[in-house]
Amino acid sequence: MVEDENVRDGNGEHMEEEDSGSTEENERFSWYVVNSFSGYEKRVMKFLEGQLSRKYPGRVGEVLIPTQDVTSNVRGKKTSRKKKLYPGYVFVQLELDQEMIMDIRAMSNVSGFPPMNQGRPEPLSDEEINRLKGQAEGSDKAKVVRVPYSVGQTVRVTEGPFNNFTGVVESINPERGRVRVIFTIFGRKAPVEIDFSQVRPV
């Protein structure tokens, strides 16, 4: 009777097998950050998904370049574009060993694994990668507001994917109601644009 039920409930049985395989895969892979030259993120992504994946079959997982859809309305004209949230960084799931590390470090347009490209790369935590995946959602709308900050001022993010991050104001865009803040992430400086309403002076 048990065998008959399994046959009739083939979908359920198949789902259980997939879940088990997915768990094993998650245990094999860890997320790492690869530091690319600015502007070459897509080339590095293509290398990881193509050449590296072919050399190490089954050991390269998802490759991620976090972006956000930015919509602005300037002088009555609405424009939309995708903006890289971490210029110069590519995030990838790997079952990593020393040979793979050397291949990635030897690739053109790559400066290695931050910070300082020394020793064995440290994998990202679940919290870090969940933040990366979550922050690419949503859109930004232009606002006309009084400029509450100044260049060089230290600010803290109060909401959104960068909540509790502290950085220094690099530039201000009053038309769009956004401030460009320099954060130190993974041992390197990274500029990020944030809405005025999401930051407060420290």
N, C-alpha and C. Protein backbone atom coordinates (compact mmCIF):
# COMPACT_ATOMS: atom_id res chain seq x y z
N MET A 1 0.82 -1.20 0.00
CA MET A 1 0.00 0.00 0.00
C MET A 1 0.86 1.25 0.00
N VAL A 2 2.00 1.24 0.72
CA VAL A 2 2.87 2.42 0.79
C VAL A 2 3.44 2.73 -0.58
N GLU A 3 3.86 1.65 -1.30
CA GLU A 3 4.42 1.87 -2.62
C GLU A 3 3.38 2.47 -3.55
N ASP A 4 2.11 1.97 -3.47
CA ASP A 4 1.06 2.50 -4.34
C ASP A 4 0.81 3.96 -4.06
N GLU A 5 0.82 4.34 -2.79
CA GLU A 5 0.59 5.75 -2.45
C GLU A 5 1.69 6.62 -3.00
N ASN A 6 2.93 6.13 -2.96
CA ASN A 6 4.04 6.91 -3.49
C ASN A 6 3.91 7.09 -4.99
N VAL A 7 3.43 6.03 -5.68
CA VAL A 7 3.26 6.13 -7.12
C VAL A 7 2.18 7.15 -7.46
N ARG A 8 1.05 7.07 -6.73
CA ARG A 8 -0.05 8.01 -7.01
C ARG A 8 0.33 9.43 -6.64
N ASP A 9 1.16 9.56 -5.63
CA ASP A 9 1.53 10.90 -5.18
C ASP A 9 2.93 11.25 -5.68
N GLY A 10 3.12 11.03 -6.97
CA GLY A 10 4.45 11.22 -7.55
C GLY A 10 4.96 12.63 -7.37
N ASN A 11 4.08 13.64 -7.48
CA ASN A 11 4.53 15.02 -7.32
C ASN A 11 5.11 15.26 -5.94
N GLY A 12 4.41 14.74 -4.93
CA GLY A 12 4.89 14.93 -3.56
C GLY A 12 6.23 14.26 -3.34
N GLU A 13 6.38 13.06 -3.87
CA GLU A 13 7.65 12.35 -3.70
C GLU A 13 8.76 13.10 -4.40
N HIS A 14 8.48 13.60 -5.58
CA HIS A 14 9.49 14.33 -6.36
C HIS A 14 9.92 15.59 -5.64
N MET A 15 8.97 16.26 -5.03
CA MET A 15 9.28 17.49 -4.29
C MET A 15 10.21 17.18 -3.12
N GLU A 16 9.99 16.06 -2.43
CA GLU A 16 10.83 15.71 -1.31
C GLU A 16 12.25 15.47 -1.77
N GLU A 17 12.42 14.80 -2.94
CA GLU A 17 13.75 14.55 -3.47
C GLU A 17 14.43 15.87 -3.83
N GLU A 18 13.68 16.81 -4.44
CA GLU A 18 14.26 18.09 -4.81
C GLU A 18 14.70 18.87 -3.58
N ASP A 19 13.89 18.86 -2.54
CA ASP A 19 14.23 19.59 -1.32
C ASP A 19 15.51 19.04 -0.72
N SER A 20 15.67 17.71 -0.73
CA SER A 20 16.86 17.09 -0.18
C SER A 20 18.08 17.50 -0.98
N GLY A 21 17.96 17.49 -2.32
CA GLY A 21 19.08 17.89 -3.17
C GLY A 21 19.43 19.35 -2.96
N SER A 22 18.40 20.19 -2.81
CA SER A 22 18.63 21.61 -2.60
C SER A 22 19.37 21.86 -1.30
N THR A 23 19.04 21.11 -0.26
CA THR A 23 19.71 21.26 1.02
C THR A 23 21.17 20.89 0.90
N GLU A 24 21.45 19.77 0.21
CA GLU A 24 22.84 19.35 0.03
C GLU A 24 23.62 20.39 -0.76
N GLU A 25 22.98 20.96 -1.79
CA GLU A 25 23.65 21.97 -2.61
C GLU A 25 23.97 23.20 -1.78
N ASN A 26 23.02 23.64 -0.95
CA ASN A 26 23.24 24.81 -0.11
C ASN A 26 24.40 24.59 0.85
N GLU A 27 24.58 23.36 1.32
CA GLU A 27 25.67 23.07 2.24
C GLU A 27 27.01 23.07 1.51
N ARG A 28 27.02 22.70 0.24
CA ARG A 28 28.27 22.67 -0.53
C ARG A 28 28.74 24.07 -0.90
N PHE A 29 27.79 24.94 -1.26
CA PHE A 29 28.13 26.27 -1.76
C PHE A 29 28.23 27.29 -0.63
N SER A 30 29.12 28.26 -0.82
CA SER A 30 29.17 29.46 0.02
C SER A 30 29.24 30.67 -0.91
N TRP A 31 28.77 31.82 -0.41
CA TRP A 31 28.81 33.05 -1.19
C TRP A 31 30.13 33.79 -0.94
N TYR A 32 30.74 34.25 -2.04
CA TYR A 32 31.97 35.02 -1.96
C TYR A 32 31.83 36.30 -2.78
N VAL A 33 32.65 37.29 -2.44
CA VAL A 33 32.65 38.53 -3.19
C VAL A 33 33.96 38.61 -3.97
N VAL A 34 33.85 38.89 -5.27
CA VAL A 34 35.00 39.05 -6.15
C VAL A 34 35.12 40.52 -6.52
N ASN A 35 36.32 41.06 -6.38
CA ASN A 35 36.55 42.49 -6.66
C ASN A 35 36.98 42.65 -8.12
N SER A 36 36.13 43.29 -8.93
CA SER A 36 36.45 43.52 -10.34
C SER A 36 36.86 44.97 -10.54
N PHE A 37 37.48 45.23 -11.68
CA PHE A 37 37.74 46.62 -12.04
C PHE A 37 36.39 47.28 -12.33
N SER A 38 36.26 48.54 -11.94
CA SER A 38 34.99 49.24 -12.13
C SER A 38 34.63 49.30 -13.61
N GLY A 39 33.38 48.94 -13.90
CA GLY A 39 32.92 48.92 -15.29
C GLY A 39 33.05 47.58 -15.97
N TYR A 40 33.73 46.63 -15.32
CA TYR A 40 33.95 45.31 -15.91
C TYR A 40 33.18 44.22 -15.17
N GLU A 41 32.19 44.62 -14.38
CA GLU A 41 31.45 43.64 -13.58
C GLU A 41 30.79 42.58 -14.45
N LYS A 42 30.17 42.99 -15.57
CA LYS A 42 29.47 42.02 -16.42
C LYS A 42 30.44 41.06 -17.10
N ARG A 43 31.65 41.53 -17.43
CA ARG A 43 32.65 40.64 -18.02
C ARG A 43 33.09 39.59 -17.00
N VAL A 44 33.25 40.01 -15.77
CA VAL A 44 33.63 39.07 -14.72
C VAL A 44 32.50 38.07 -14.48
N MET A 45 31.26 38.56 -14.49
CA MET A 45 30.10 37.68 -14.33
C MET A 45 30.07 36.64 -15.46
N LYS A 46 30.35 37.06 -16.68
CA LYS A 46 30.35 36.15 -17.84
C LYS A 46 31.44 35.10 -17.68
N PHE A 47 32.60 35.49 -17.18
CA PHE A 47 33.70 34.55 -16.95
C PHE A 47 33.32 33.51 -15.90
N LEU A 48 32.72 33.96 -14.81
CA LEU A 48 32.34 33.04 -13.73
C LEU A 48 31.28 32.05 -14.20
N GLU A 49 30.28 32.56 -14.94
CA GLU A 49 29.18 31.69 -15.40
C GLU A 49 29.61 30.80 -16.57
N GLY A 50 30.62 31.23 -17.32
CA GLY A 50 31.03 30.50 -18.50
C GLY A 50 32.29 29.67 -18.30
N GLN A 51 33.45 30.32 -18.48
CA GLN A 51 34.73 29.62 -18.45
C GLN A 51 34.97 28.90 -17.13
N LEU A 52 34.75 29.58 -16.02
CA LEU A 52 35.02 28.94 -14.72
C LEU A 52 34.05 27.80 -14.46
N SER A 53 32.77 27.99 -14.80
CA SER A 53 31.76 26.96 -14.58
C SER A 53 32.05 25.72 -15.42
N ARG A 54 32.55 25.92 -16.65
CA ARG A 54 32.89 24.77 -17.51
C ARG A 54 34.10 24.01 -16.97
N LYS A 55 35.06 24.73 -16.40
CA LYS A 55 36.26 24.07 -15.87
C LYS A 55 35.94 23.32 -14.58
N TYR A 56 34.98 23.86 -13.80
CA TYR A 56 34.61 23.24 -12.52
C TYR A 56 33.11 22.93 -12.53
N PRO A 57 32.69 21.93 -13.30
CA PRO A 57 31.25 21.64 -13.42
C PRO A 57 30.61 21.32 -12.08
N GLY A 58 29.44 21.95 -11.84
CA GLY A 58 28.70 21.71 -10.62
C GLY A 58 29.22 22.42 -9.40
N ARG A 59 30.25 23.28 -9.57
CA ARG A 59 30.85 23.94 -8.41
C ARG A 59 30.71 25.46 -8.45
N VAL A 60 30.03 25.98 -9.48
CA VAL A 60 29.74 27.41 -9.56
C VAL A 60 28.22 27.58 -9.56
N GLY A 61 27.70 28.31 -8.61
CA GLY A 61 26.26 28.49 -8.49
C GLY A 61 25.80 29.82 -9.06
N GLU A 62 24.96 30.52 -8.31
CA GLU A 62 24.39 31.79 -8.76
C GLU A 62 25.45 32.89 -8.75
N VAL A 63 25.39 33.77 -9.76
CA VAL A 63 26.26 34.93 -9.82
C VAL A 63 25.38 36.17 -9.77
N LEU A 64 25.76 37.14 -8.94
CA LEU A 64 24.88 38.27 -8.67
C LEU A 64 25.63 39.60 -8.77
N ILE A 65 25.05 40.53 -9.55
CA ILE A 65 25.49 41.93 -9.54
C ILE A 65 24.28 42.73 -9.06
N PRO A 66 24.23 43.10 -7.79
CA PRO A 66 23.03 43.78 -7.27
C PRO A 66 22.79 45.11 -7.96
N THR A 67 21.58 45.29 -8.47
CA THR A 67 21.20 46.55 -9.11
C THR A 67 19.86 47.00 -8.56
N GLN A 68 19.56 48.26 -8.78
CA GLN A 68 18.28 48.82 -8.35
C GLN A 68 17.72 49.66 -9.48
N ASP A 69 16.41 49.53 -9.73
CA ASP A 69 15.74 50.37 -10.72
C ASP A 69 15.56 51.76 -10.13
N VAL A 70 16.20 52.73 -10.75
CA VAL A 70 16.13 54.11 -10.28
C VAL A 70 15.26 54.91 -11.23
N THR A 71 14.17 55.44 -10.72
CA THR A 71 13.26 56.26 -11.53
C THR A 71 13.31 57.69 -11.03
N SER A 72 13.49 58.62 -11.94
CA SER A 72 13.53 60.03 -11.56
C SER A 72 12.60 60.83 -12.47
N ASN A 73 12.16 61.94 -11.96
CA ASN A 73 11.28 62.83 -12.72
C ASN A 73 11.88 64.23 -12.65
N VAL A 74 12.61 64.58 -13.70
CA VAL A 74 13.31 65.86 -13.74
C VAL A 74 12.73 66.72 -14.85
N ARG A 75 12.27 67.91 -14.46
CA ARG A 75 11.67 68.84 -15.43
C ARG A 75 10.52 68.19 -16.21
N GLY A 76 9.75 67.38 -15.51
CA GLY A 76 8.58 66.77 -16.11
C GLY A 76 8.85 65.54 -16.95
N LYS A 77 10.11 65.15 -17.08
CA LYS A 77 10.45 63.98 -17.89
C LYS A 77 10.85 62.82 -16.98
N LYS A 78 10.13 61.69 -17.12
CA LYS A 78 10.39 60.53 -16.28
C LYS A 78 11.40 59.60 -16.96
N THR A 79 12.44 59.26 -16.25
CA THR A 79 13.46 58.35 -16.78
C THR A 79 13.69 57.21 -15.80
N SER A 80 14.10 56.06 -16.33
CA SER A 80 14.36 54.90 -15.49
C SER A 80 15.65 54.23 -15.94
N ARG A 81 16.44 53.79 -14.99
CA ARG A 81 17.69 53.10 -15.33
C ARG A 81 18.05 52.15 -14.20
N LYS A 82 18.93 51.20 -14.52
CA LYS A 82 19.42 50.26 -13.51
C LYS A 82 20.77 50.77 -12.99
N LYS A 83 20.89 50.83 -11.69
CA LYS A 83 22.10 51.33 -11.07
C LYS A 83 22.75 50.22 -10.25
N LYS A 84 24.06 50.02 -10.44
CA LYS A 84 24.79 49.04 -9.64
C LYS A 84 24.89 49.55 -8.20
N LEU A 85 24.51 48.71 -7.26
CA LEU A 85 24.56 49.10 -5.86
C LEU A 85 25.98 48.99 -5.30
N TYR A 86 26.78 48.08 -5.87
CA TYR A 86 28.17 47.92 -5.42
C TYR A 86 29.10 47.91 -6.63
N PRO A 87 29.42 49.07 -7.19
CA PRO A 87 30.34 49.10 -8.34
C PRO A 87 31.67 48.45 -7.98
N GLY A 88 32.14 47.57 -8.86
CA GLY A 88 33.42 46.90 -8.62
C GLY A 88 33.32 45.60 -7.85
N TYR A 89 32.08 45.13 -7.58
CA TYR A 89 31.90 43.89 -6.84
C TYR A 89 30.96 42.94 -7.58
N VAL A 90 31.35 41.66 -7.60
CA VAL A 90 30.50 40.60 -8.15
C VAL A 90 30.39 39.53 -7.07
N PHE A 91 29.18 39.03 -6.84
CA PHE A 91 28.93 38.06 -5.77
C PHE A 91 28.60 36.71 -6.41
N VAL A 92 29.22 35.65 -5.89
CA VAL A 92 29.08 34.35 -6.56
C VAL A 92 29.07 33.23 -5.53
N GLN A 93 28.24 32.21 -5.81
CA GLN A 93 28.20 30.98 -5.02
C GLN A 93 29.24 30.02 -5.56
N LEU A 94 30.12 29.54 -4.68
CA LEU A 94 31.19 28.65 -5.12
C LEU A 94 31.40 27.50 -4.14
N GLU A 95 31.78 26.35 -4.69
CA GLU A 95 32.39 25.30 -3.87
C GLU A 95 33.90 25.47 -4.08
N LEU A 96 34.52 26.24 -3.23
CA LEU A 96 35.84 26.82 -3.48
C LEU A 96 36.97 25.90 -3.04
N ASP A 97 38.03 25.85 -3.86
CA ASP A 97 39.28 25.23 -3.45
C ASP A 97 40.43 26.12 -3.93
N GLN A 98 41.67 25.73 -3.60
CA GLN A 98 42.82 26.59 -3.88
C GLN A 98 43.03 26.82 -5.38
N GLU A 99 42.80 25.78 -6.19
CA GLU A 99 42.98 25.93 -7.63
C GLU A 99 41.99 26.94 -8.21
N MET A 100 40.74 26.88 -7.75
CA MET A 100 39.74 27.83 -8.23
C MET A 100 40.08 29.26 -7.79
N ILE A 101 40.57 29.40 -6.56
CA ILE A 101 40.99 30.71 -6.07
C ILE A 101 42.05 31.31 -6.99
N MET A 102 43.03 30.51 -7.36
CA MET A 102 44.11 30.98 -8.22
C MET A 102 43.60 31.37 -9.60
N ASP A 103 42.65 30.59 -10.15
CA ASP A 103 42.08 30.90 -11.46
C ASP A 103 41.34 32.23 -11.44
N ILE A 104 40.58 32.49 -10.39
CA ILE A 104 39.83 33.74 -10.29
C ILE A 104 40.78 34.92 -10.12
N ARG A 105 41.79 34.77 -9.28
CA ARG A 105 42.75 35.84 -9.06
C ARG A 105 43.56 36.15 -10.32
N ALA A 106 43.75 35.13 -11.18
CA ALA A 106 44.54 35.32 -12.40
C ALA A 106 43.74 35.92 -13.55
N MET A 107 42.42 36.02 -13.39
CA MET A 107 41.59 36.54 -14.47
C MET A 107 41.83 38.02 -14.70
N SER A 108 41.83 38.42 -15.98
CA SER A 108 41.94 39.84 -16.28
C SER A 108 40.67 40.55 -15.80
N ASN A 109 40.81 41.81 -15.44
CA ASN A 109 39.71 42.65 -14.94
C ASN A 109 39.30 42.29 -13.51
N VAL A 110 40.08 41.43 -12.84
CA VAL A 110 39.79 41.07 -11.46
C VAL A 110 41.00 41.42 -10.59
N SER A 111 40.75 42.06 -9.46
CA SER A 111 41.84 42.36 -8.53
C SER A 111 41.84 41.40 -7.34
N GLY A 112 40.95 40.41 -7.36
CA GLY A 112 40.98 39.36 -6.35
C GLY A 112 39.80 39.36 -5.42
N PHE A 113 40.05 38.87 -4.21
CA PHE A 113 39.01 38.78 -3.18
C PHE A 113 39.33 39.80 -2.09
N PRO A 114 38.41 40.71 -1.78
CA PRO A 114 38.67 41.65 -0.70
C PRO A 114 38.52 40.97 0.65
N PRO A 115 39.09 41.53 1.73
CA PRO A 115 40.00 42.69 1.67
C PRO A 115 41.44 42.28 1.40
N MET A 116 42.16 43.08 0.67
CA MET A 116 43.60 42.97 0.46
C MET A 116 44.03 41.77 -0.38
N ASN A 117 43.08 40.91 -0.81
CA ASN A 117 43.40 39.80 -1.70
C ASN A 117 44.49 38.90 -1.13
N GLN A 118 44.46 38.63 0.18
CA GLN A 118 45.46 37.79 0.81
C GLN A 118 44.79 36.64 1.56
N GLY A 119 45.47 35.48 1.58
CA GLY A 119 44.93 34.34 2.30
C GLY A 119 43.72 33.74 1.60
N ARG A 120 43.05 32.84 2.29
CA ARG A 120 41.85 32.21 1.73
C ARG A 120 40.66 33.15 1.90
N PRO A 121 39.86 33.35 0.82
CA PRO A 121 38.70 34.25 0.93
C PRO A 121 37.72 33.79 1.99
N GLU A 122 37.13 34.75 2.69
CA GLU A 122 36.13 34.46 3.70
C GLU A 122 34.74 34.50 3.07
N PRO A 123 33.91 33.48 3.28
CA PRO A 123 32.55 33.51 2.72
C PRO A 123 31.69 34.55 3.42
N LEU A 124 30.67 35.04 2.71
CA LEU A 124 29.72 35.97 3.30
C LEU A 124 28.76 35.23 4.22
N SER A 125 28.26 35.91 5.20
CA SER A 125 27.27 35.32 6.10
C SER A 125 25.89 35.32 5.42
N ASP A 126 24.97 34.53 5.94
CA ASP A 126 23.60 34.51 5.41
C ASP A 126 22.97 35.90 5.52
N GLU A 127 23.27 36.60 6.61
CA GLU A 127 22.72 37.93 6.81
C GLU A 127 23.20 38.90 5.73
N GLU A 128 24.49 38.81 5.40
CA GLU A 128 25.04 39.71 4.38
C GLU A 128 24.44 39.44 3.01
N ILE A 129 24.31 38.17 2.63
CA ILE A 129 23.80 37.88 1.29
C ILE A 129 22.31 38.15 1.20
N ASN A 130 21.57 37.95 2.30
CA ASN A 130 20.14 38.28 2.30
C ASN A 130 19.95 39.79 2.14
N ARG A 131 20.82 40.57 2.74
CA ARG A 131 20.75 42.02 2.59
C ARG A 131 21.02 42.41 1.14
N LEU A 132 22.02 41.77 0.53
CA LEU A 132 22.35 42.07 -0.87
C LEU A 132 21.17 41.79 -1.79
N LYS A 133 20.51 40.64 -1.56
CA LYS A 133 19.41 40.26 -2.43
C LYS A 133 18.19 41.15 -2.20
N GLY A 134 17.98 41.54 -0.95
CA GLY A 134 16.81 42.33 -0.63
C GLY A 134 16.90 43.76 -1.04
N GLN A 135 18.11 44.32 -1.10
CA GLN A 135 18.24 45.74 -1.35
C GLN A 135 18.01 46.11 -2.81
N ALA A 136 17.97 45.12 -3.71
CA ALA A 136 17.77 45.42 -5.12
C ALA A 136 16.31 45.65 -5.47
N GLU A 137 15.42 45.54 -4.48
CA GLU A 137 14.00 45.71 -4.74
C GLU A 137 13.58 47.17 -4.54
N GLY A 138 12.50 47.56 -5.21
CA GLY A 138 11.95 48.91 -5.01
C GLY A 138 12.47 49.89 -6.04
N SER A 139 11.99 51.10 -5.98
CA SER A 139 12.40 52.14 -6.90
C SER A 139 12.53 53.44 -6.15
N ASP A 140 13.21 54.36 -6.79
CA ASP A 140 13.45 55.66 -6.17
C ASP A 140 12.69 56.73 -6.92
N LYS A 141 12.01 57.61 -6.20
CA LYS A 141 11.25 58.68 -6.83
C LYS A 141 11.85 60.03 -6.50
N ALA A 142 11.88 60.89 -7.46
CA ALA A 142 12.46 62.21 -7.25
C ALA A 142 11.64 63.02 -6.27
N LYS A 143 12.32 63.78 -5.46
CA LYS A 143 11.66 64.65 -4.50
C LYS A 143 12.34 66.01 -4.52
N VAL A 144 11.57 67.06 -4.26
CA VAL A 144 12.13 68.38 -4.13
C VAL A 144 12.01 68.78 -2.67
N VAL A 145 13.14 68.76 -1.97
CA VAL A 145 13.14 69.04 -0.53
C VAL A 145 14.35 69.90 -0.19
N ARG A 146 14.29 70.48 1.00
CA ARG A 146 15.41 71.27 1.49
C ARG A 146 16.60 70.34 1.73
N VAL A 147 17.81 70.80 1.40
CA VAL A 147 19.01 69.98 1.57
C VAL A 147 19.40 69.99 3.06
N PRO A 148 19.27 68.85 3.75
CA PRO A 148 19.55 68.82 5.18
C PRO A 148 20.97 68.38 5.53
N TYR A 149 21.80 68.12 4.51
CA TYR A 149 23.14 67.60 4.78
C TYR A 149 24.19 68.40 4.03
N SER A 150 25.45 68.20 4.39
CA SER A 150 26.56 68.86 3.71
C SER A 150 27.63 67.84 3.37
N VAL A 151 28.40 68.12 2.33
CA VAL A 151 29.47 67.22 1.91
C VAL A 151 30.50 67.07 3.02
N GLY A 152 30.91 65.83 3.29
CA GLY A 152 31.87 65.56 4.35
C GLY A 152 31.22 65.21 5.67
N GLN A 153 29.91 65.36 5.76
CA GLN A 153 29.19 65.08 7.00
C GLN A 153 29.01 63.57 7.18
N THR A 154 29.12 63.10 8.43
CA THR A 154 28.90 61.69 8.73
C THR A 154 27.42 61.46 9.00
N VAL A 155 26.86 60.44 8.36
CA VAL A 155 25.44 60.14 8.51
C VAL A 155 25.25 58.66 8.78
N ARG A 156 24.07 58.34 9.34
CA ARG A 156 23.70 56.95 9.59
C ARG A 156 22.39 56.64 8.88
N VAL A 157 22.33 55.47 8.24
CA VAL A 157 21.11 55.05 7.55
C VAL A 157 20.11 54.54 8.58
N THR A 158 18.86 54.99 8.47
CA THR A 158 17.84 54.65 9.47
C THR A 158 16.81 53.65 8.97
N GLU A 159 16.78 53.37 7.68
CA GLU A 159 15.83 52.40 7.15
C GLU A 159 16.31 51.87 5.82
N GLY A 160 15.70 50.77 5.38
CA GLY A 160 16.08 50.18 4.11
C GLY A 160 17.19 49.16 4.26
N PRO A 161 17.74 48.67 3.15
CA PRO A 161 18.74 47.59 3.17
C PRO A 161 20.05 47.98 3.83
N PHE A 162 20.36 49.29 3.89
CA PHE A 162 21.61 49.74 4.52
C PHE A 162 21.39 50.21 5.95
N ASN A 163 20.28 49.82 6.56
CA ASN A 163 19.93 50.26 7.91
C ASN A 163 21.10 50.07 8.88
N ASN A 164 21.40 51.14 9.64
CA ASN A 164 22.47 51.17 10.65
C ASN A 164 23.87 51.28 10.07
N PHE A 165 24.01 51.37 8.74
CA PHE A 165 25.32 51.64 8.16
C PHE A 165 25.67 53.11 8.41
N THR A 166 26.93 53.40 8.67
CA THR A 166 27.41 54.76 8.85
C THR A 166 28.41 55.09 7.75
N GLY A 167 28.28 56.28 7.16
CA GLY A 167 29.18 56.69 6.09
C GLY A 167 29.34 58.19 6.03
N VAL A 168 30.10 58.65 5.03
CA VAL A 168 30.39 60.07 4.87
C VAL A 168 29.78 60.56 3.57
N VAL A 169 29.10 61.72 3.62
CA VAL A 169 28.46 62.30 2.45
C VAL A 169 29.52 62.75 1.44
N GLU A 170 29.42 62.22 0.21
CA GLU A 170 30.35 62.60 -0.85
C GLU A 170 29.76 63.68 -1.74
N SER A 171 28.46 63.57 -2.04
CA SER A 171 27.81 64.56 -2.88
C SER A 171 26.31 64.56 -2.60
N ILE A 172 25.63 65.62 -3.06
CA ILE A 172 24.19 65.78 -2.80
C ILE A 172 23.49 66.13 -4.10
N ASN A 173 22.32 65.52 -4.32
CA ASN A 173 21.52 65.81 -5.50
C ASN A 173 20.16 66.34 -5.04
N PRO A 174 20.02 67.66 -4.90
CA PRO A 174 18.76 68.22 -4.39
C PRO A 174 17.57 67.93 -5.28
N GLU A 175 17.79 67.91 -6.62
CA GLU A 175 16.67 67.68 -7.54
C GLU A 175 16.01 66.32 -7.30
N ARG A 176 16.83 65.34 -7.03
CA ARG A 176 16.31 63.98 -6.84
C ARG A 176 16.10 63.66 -5.36
N GLY A 177 16.51 64.57 -4.49
CA GLY A 177 16.34 64.32 -3.07
C GLY A 177 17.17 63.16 -2.58
N ARG A 178 18.40 63.05 -3.12
CA ARG A 178 19.25 61.92 -2.77
C ARG A 178 20.64 62.40 -2.39
N VAL A 179 21.29 61.60 -1.55
CA VAL A 179 22.63 61.90 -1.08
C VAL A 179 23.54 60.71 -1.40
N ARG A 180 24.73 61.00 -1.86
CA ARG A 180 25.70 59.94 -2.19
C ARG A 180 26.62 59.77 -0.98
N VAL A 181 26.60 58.56 -0.40
CA VAL A 181 27.34 58.29 0.83
C VAL A 181 28.41 57.24 0.57
N ILE A 182 29.60 57.44 1.14
CA ILE A 182 30.68 56.47 1.02
C ILE A 182 30.66 55.55 2.24
N PHE A 183 30.41 54.26 2.00
CA PHE A 183 30.48 53.25 3.05
C PHE A 183 31.76 52.44 2.90
N THR A 184 32.23 51.86 3.99
CA THR A 184 33.32 50.89 3.92
C THR A 184 32.70 49.50 4.03
N ILE A 185 32.73 48.76 2.92
CA ILE A 185 32.08 47.45 2.83
C ILE A 185 33.09 46.42 2.36
N PHE A 186 33.19 45.31 3.08
CA PHE A 186 34.13 44.24 2.74
C PHE A 186 35.56 44.78 2.65
N GLY A 187 35.88 45.75 3.50
CA GLY A 187 37.23 46.28 3.56
C GLY A 187 37.55 47.32 2.51
N ARG A 188 36.58 47.69 1.68
CA ARG A 188 36.83 48.69 0.63
C ARG A 188 35.73 49.74 0.66
N LYS A 189 36.04 50.91 0.10
CA LYS A 189 35.06 51.99 0.09
C LYS A 189 34.10 51.82 -1.09
N ALA A 190 32.82 52.01 -0.83
CA ALA A 190 31.80 51.85 -1.87
C ALA A 190 30.80 53.01 -1.77
N PRO A 191 30.59 53.74 -2.89
CA PRO A 191 29.61 54.83 -2.89
C PRO A 191 28.21 54.31 -3.15
N VAL A 192 27.23 54.82 -2.40
CA VAL A 192 25.85 54.40 -2.57
C VAL A 192 24.95 55.64 -2.49
N GLU A 193 23.96 55.74 -3.40
CA GLU A 193 23.00 56.83 -3.36
C GLU A 193 21.80 56.43 -2.51
N ILE A 194 21.39 57.33 -1.61
CA ILE A 194 20.28 57.05 -0.69
C ILE A 194 19.37 58.25 -0.61
N ASP A 195 18.08 57.99 -0.41
CA ASP A 195 17.11 59.07 -0.27
C ASP A 195 17.38 59.86 1.01
N PHE A 196 17.13 61.20 0.93
CA PHE A 196 17.31 62.05 2.10
C PHE A 196 16.61 61.49 3.34
N SER A 197 15.40 60.94 3.13
CA SER A 197 14.57 60.51 4.26
C SER A 197 15.13 59.28 4.96
N GLN A 198 16.13 58.60 4.35
CA GLN A 198 16.63 57.36 4.92
C GLN A 198 17.93 57.53 5.70
N VAL A 199 18.42 58.78 5.83
CA VAL A 199 19.65 59.01 6.58
C VAL A 199 19.46 60.11 7.61
N ARG A 200 20.26 60.07 8.66
CA ARG A 200 20.24 61.07 9.71
C ARG A 200 21.67 61.43 10.06
N PRO A 201 21.93 62.71 10.44
CA PRO A 201 23.27 63.09 10.89
C PRO A 201 23.66 62.31 12.14
N VAL A 202 24.94 61.97 12.24
CA VAL A 202 25.44 61.24 13.43
C VAL A 202 25.80 62.26 14.51
